Amino acid sequence: MSGRHLKFPFTVGEDSRPETPADLADHVRGELIQLLLTDPGERLFQPVFGGGLKRLVFEANNEATAAMARARLTKALNFYLGTRLEVKQLETEATETTLAVNLAYQLVGSPEIRRLRFEHDIAQGGDV
């Protein structure tokens, strides 16, 4: 990690300055969350940026949607974060009321495998 970066989600510290990520792993995790939750077309100067997970809550909750999510996320992760991390496992599953995304990844040059899970429960109105 070179240079100064803003922490995600954006927060202001007690000294009234924007907080920075604690380390490279924290910084990449923030980038990963931003990528997955940003819809393509949402960023004016990067119209194809994003994994589009939030948009999937309006789709039918079935295996086709899960497969579409897996394809979109694989493409976005490889294109935007392929030099920072290696995807070890990407699973999408659609049950009766829930669409879940399980991601296992490894930072380049690190032996540790990290995990993220995104879940939307249609019955509960949960967030992605």
C-alpha atoms as a PDB file:
ATOM      1  CA  MET A   1       0.000   0.000   0.000  1.00  0.00           C
ATOM      2  CA  SER A   2       1.607   3.227  -1.097  1.00  0.00           C
ATOM      3  CA  GLY A   3       0.290   6.661  -0.319  1.00  0.00           C
ATOM      4  CA  ARG A   4      -2.532   7.740   1.959  1.00  0.00           C
ATOM      5  CA  HIS A   5      -5.925   6.066   1.569  1.00  0.00           C
ATOM      6  CA  LEU A   6      -9.341   6.707   3.107  1.00  0.00           C
ATOM      7  CA  LYS A   7     -10.930   4.089   5.319  1.00  0.00           C
ATOM      8  CA  PHE A   8     -14.119   2.423   4.112  1.00  0.00           C
ATOM      9  CA  PRO A   9     -16.700   3.162   5.262  1.00  0.00           C
ATOM     10  CA  PHE A  10     -15.562   6.769   5.458  1.00  0.00           C
ATOM     11  CA  THR A  11     -15.097   7.922   9.040  1.00  0.00           C
ATOM     12  CA  VAL A  12     -13.617  10.986  10.717  1.00  0.00           C
ATOM     13  CA  GLY A  13     -11.281  10.481  13.666  1.00  0.00           C
ATOM     14  CA  GLU A  14     -11.156  12.357  16.953  1.00  0.00           C
ATOM     15  CA  ASP A  15      -8.599  14.728  15.436  1.00  0.00           C
ATOM     16  CA  SER A  16     -11.189  15.747  12.776  1.00  0.00           C
ATOM     17  CA  ARG A  17      -9.176  14.098  10.011  1.00  0.00           C
ATOM     18  CA  PRO A  18     -10.336  11.255   7.795  1.00  0.00           C
ATOM     19  CA  GLU A  19      -9.285   7.880   9.169  1.00  0.00           C
ATOM     20  CA  THR A  20      -6.984   5.624   7.168  1.00  0.00           C
ATOM     21  CA  PRO A  21      -6.972   1.822   6.913  1.00  0.00           C
ATOM     22  CA  ALA A  22      -4.975   0.042   9.609  1.00  0.00           C
ATOM     23  CA  ASP A  23      -3.052  -2.068   7.095  1.00  0.00           C
ATOM     24  CA  LEU A  24      -3.091  -3.420   3.552  1.00  0.00           C
ATOM     25  CA  ALA A  25      -5.563  -6.179   4.437  1.00  0.00           C
ATOM     26  CA  ASP A  26      -8.034  -3.617   5.804  1.00  0.00           C
ATOM     27  CA  HIS A  27      -7.571  -1.433   2.729  1.00  0.00           C
ATOM     28  CA  VAL A  28      -8.179  -4.308   0.282  1.00  0.00           C
ATOM     29  CA  ARG A  29     -11.237  -5.448   2.273  1.00  0.00           C
ATOM     30  CA  GLY A  30     -12.693  -1.945   1.866  1.00  0.00           C
ATOM     31  CA  GLU A  31     -11.953  -1.981  -1.859  1.00  0.00           C
ATOM     32  CA  LEU A  32     -13.566  -5.398  -2.132  1.00  0.00           C
ATOM     33  CA  ILE A  33     -16.776  -4.319  -0.399  1.00  0.00           C
ATOM     34  CA  GLN A  34     -16.990  -1.175  -2.541  1.00  0.00           C
ATOM     35  CA  LEU A  35     -16.516  -3.205  -5.722  1.00  0.00           C
ATOM     36  CA  LEU A  36     -19.130  -5.814  -4.877  1.00  0.00           C
ATOM     37  CA  LEU A  37     -21.801  -3.375  -3.690  1.00  0.00           C
ATOM     38  CA  THR A  38     -21.375  -0.759  -6.424  1.00  0.00           C
ATOM     39  CA  ASP A  39     -23.738  -1.103  -9.370  1.00  0.00           C
ATOM     40  CA  PRO A  40     -22.263  -0.743 -12.867  1.00  0.00           C
ATOM     41  CA  GLY A  41     -23.191   2.716 -14.086  1.00  0.00           C
ATOM     42  CA  GLU A  42     -23.231   4.188 -10.570  1.00  0.00           C
ATOM     43  CA  ARG A  43     -19.830   5.886 -10.911  1.00  0.00           C
ATOM     44  CA  LEU A  44     -19.799   8.612 -13.509  1.00  0.00           C
ATOM     45  CA  PHE A  45     -16.198   8.268 -14.686  1.00  0.00           C
ATOM     46  CA  GLN A  46     -16.042   4.475 -14.300  1.00  0.00           C
ATOM     47  CA  PRO A  47     -19.347   3.281 -15.774  1.00  0.00           C
ATOM     48  CA  VAL A  48     -18.448  -0.432 -15.845  1.00  0.00           C
ATOM     49  CA  PHE A  49     -17.046  -0.503 -12.288  1.00  0.00           C
ATOM     50  CA  GLY A  50     -18.944  -2.693  -9.857  1.00  0.00           C
ATOM     51  CA  GLY A  51     -20.193  -6.150  -9.041  1.00  0.00           C
ATOM     52  CA  GLY A  52     -23.841  -5.162  -8.881  1.00  0.00           C
ATOM     53  CA  LEU A  53     -24.873  -7.160  -5.820  1.00  0.00           C
ATOM     54  CA  LYS A  54     -27.381  -4.539  -4.668  1.00  0.00           C
ATOM     55  CA  ARG A  55     -29.181  -4.726  -8.004  1.00  0.00           C
ATOM     56  CA  LEU A  56     -29.754  -8.466  -7.622  1.00  0.00           C
ATOM     57  CA  VAL A  57     -32.299  -7.979  -4.838  1.00  0.00           C
ATOM     58  CA  PHE A  58     -34.805  -7.108  -7.564  1.00  0.00           C
ATOM     59  CA  GLU A  59     -34.214 -10.339  -9.488  1.00  0.00           C
ATOM     60  CA  ALA A  60     -35.958 -13.679  -8.978  1.00  0.00           C
ATOM     61  CA  ASN A  61     -34.315 -15.671  -6.205  1.00  0.00           C
ATOM     62  CA  ASN A  62     -33.288 -18.812  -8.068  1.00  0.00           C
ATOM     63  CA  GLU A  63     -30.253 -20.687  -9.383  1.00  0.00           C
ATOM     64  CA  ALA A  64     -30.133 -18.546 -12.537  1.00  0.00           C
ATOM     65  CA  THR A  65     -29.744 -15.405 -10.427  1.00  0.00           C
ATOM     66  CA  ALA A  66     -27.079 -17.106  -8.310  1.00  0.00           C
ATOM     67  CA  ALA A  67     -25.186 -18.111 -11.447  1.00  0.00           C
ATOM     68  CA  MET A  68     -25.502 -14.586 -12.867  1.00  0.00           C
ATOM     69  CA  ALA A  69     -24.149 -13.145  -9.604  1.00  0.00           C
ATOM     70  CA  ARG A  70     -21.205 -15.557  -9.650  1.00  0.00           C
ATOM     71  CA  ALA A  71     -20.333 -14.611 -13.244  1.00  0.00           C
ATOM     72  CA  ARG A  72     -20.587 -10.856 -12.612  1.00  0.00           C
ATOM     73  CA  LEU A  73     -18.531 -11.041  -9.439  1.00  0.00           C
ATOM     74  CA  THR A  74     -15.845 -13.239 -10.966  1.00  0.00           C
ATOM     75  CA  LYS A  75     -15.419 -10.807 -13.855  1.00  0.00           C
ATOM     76  CA  ALA A  76     -15.321  -7.726 -11.600  1.00  0.00           C
ATOM     77  CA  LEU A  77     -12.921  -9.287  -9.078  1.00  0.00           C
ATOM     78  CA  ASN A  78     -10.483 -10.436 -11.747  1.00  0.00           C
ATOM     79  CA  PHE A  79     -10.535  -7.143 -13.632  1.00  0.00           C
ATOM     80  CA  TYR A  80     -10.349  -4.666 -10.737  1.00  0.00           C
ATOM     81  CA  LEU A  81      -8.624  -6.550  -7.913  1.00  0.00           C
ATOM     82  CA  GLY A  82      -6.803  -9.324  -9.746  1.00  0.00           C
ATOM     83  CA  THR A  83      -3.393  -7.859  -8.892  1.00  0.00           C
ATOM     84  CA  ARG A  84      -4.211  -7.465  -5.176  1.00  0.00           C
ATOM     85  CA  LEU A  85      -5.932 -10.727  -4.326  1.00  0.00           C
ATOM     86  CA  GLU A  86      -6.537 -14.260  -5.492  1.00  0.00           C
ATOM     87  CA  VAL A  87     -10.056 -15.624  -5.265  1.00  0.00           C
ATOM     88  CA  LYS A  88      -9.901 -19.011  -3.569  1.00  0.00           C
ATOM     89  CA  GLN A  89     -13.623 -19.718  -3.521  1.00  0.00           C
ATOM     90  CA  LEU A  90     -16.711 -17.899  -4.748  1.00  0.00           C
ATOM     91  CA  GLU A  91     -20.050 -19.514  -4.011  1.00  0.00           C
ATOM     92  CA  THR A  92     -23.496 -18.125  -4.629  1.00  0.00           C
ATOM     93  CA  GLU A  93     -26.546 -19.918  -3.346  1.00  0.00           C
ATOM     94  CA  ALA A  94     -30.243 -19.217  -3.659  1.00  0.00           C
ATOM     95  CA  THR A  95     -32.543 -20.820  -1.126  1.00  0.00           C
ATOM     96  CA  GLU A  96     -36.243 -20.167  -0.642  1.00  0.00           C
ATOM     97  CA  THR A  97     -35.888 -16.604   0.643  1.00  0.00           C
ATOM     98  CA  THR A  98     -32.140 -15.953   0.735  1.00  0.00           C
ATOM     99  CA  LEU A  99     -29.458 -15.124  -1.803  1.00  0.00           C
ATOM    100  CA  ALA A 100     -26.002 -15.595  -0.249  1.00  0.00           C
ATOM    101  CA  VAL A 101     -22.522 -14.930  -1.600  1.00  0.00           C
ATOM    102  CA  ASN A 102     -19.535 -16.552   0.125  1.00  0.00           C
ATOM    103  CA  LEU A 103     -16.101 -15.327  -0.897  1.00  0.00           C
ATOM    104  CA  ALA A 104     -12.745 -16.688   0.240  1.00  0.00           C
ATOM    105  CA  TYR A 105      -9.707 -14.748  -0.944  1.00  0.00           C
ATOM    106  CA  GLN A 106      -6.007 -14.429  -0.312  1.00  0.00           C
ATOM    107  CA  LEU A 107      -3.992 -11.246  -0.537  1.00  0.00           C
ATOM    108  CA  VAL A 108      -1.067 -11.531  -2.925  1.00  0.00           C
ATOM    109  CA  GLY A 109       2.008 -12.348  -0.870  1.00  0.00           C
ATOM    110  CA  SER A 110       0.039 -13.372   2.229  1.00  0.00           C
ATOM    111  CA  PRO A 111      -0.555 -16.932   3.449  1.00  0.00           C
ATOM    112  CA  GLU A 112      -3.826 -16.048   5.213  1.00  0.00           C
ATOM    113  CA  ILE A 113      -7.168 -16.799   3.575  1.00  0.00           C
ATOM    114  CA  ARG A 114      -9.881 -14.265   4.395  1.00  0.00           C
ATOM    115  CA  ARG A 115     -13.638 -14.629   4.033  1.00  0.00           C
ATOM    116  CA  LEU A 116     -16.616 -12.365   3.328  1.00  0.00           C
ATOM    117  CA  ARG A 117     -20.302 -13.278   3.280  1.00  0.00           C
ATOM    118  CA  PHE A 118     -23.098 -11.201   1.796  1.00  0.00           C
ATOM    119  CA  GLU A 119     -26.673 -12.283   2.380  1.00  0.00           C
ATOM    120  CA  HIS A 120     -30.084 -10.905   1.491  1.00  0.00           C
ATOM    121  CA  ASP A 121     -33.164 -12.436   3.071  1.00  0.00           C
ATOM    122  CA  ILE A 122     -36.239 -11.501   1.057  1.00  0.00           C
ATOM    123  CA  ALA A 123     -38.632 -12.511   3.852  1.00  0.00           C
ATOM    124  CA  GLN A 124     -36.875 -10.328   6.437  1.00  0.00           C
ATOM    125  CA  GLY A 125     -36.114  -7.447   4.072  1.00  0.00           C
ATOM    126  CA  GLY A 126     -32.441  -7.770   5.026  1.00  0.00           C
ATOM    127  CA  ASP A 127     -29.676  -5.705   3.498  1.00  0.00           C
ATOM    128  CA  VAL A 128     -27.084  -6.909   1.045  1.00  0.00           C
END
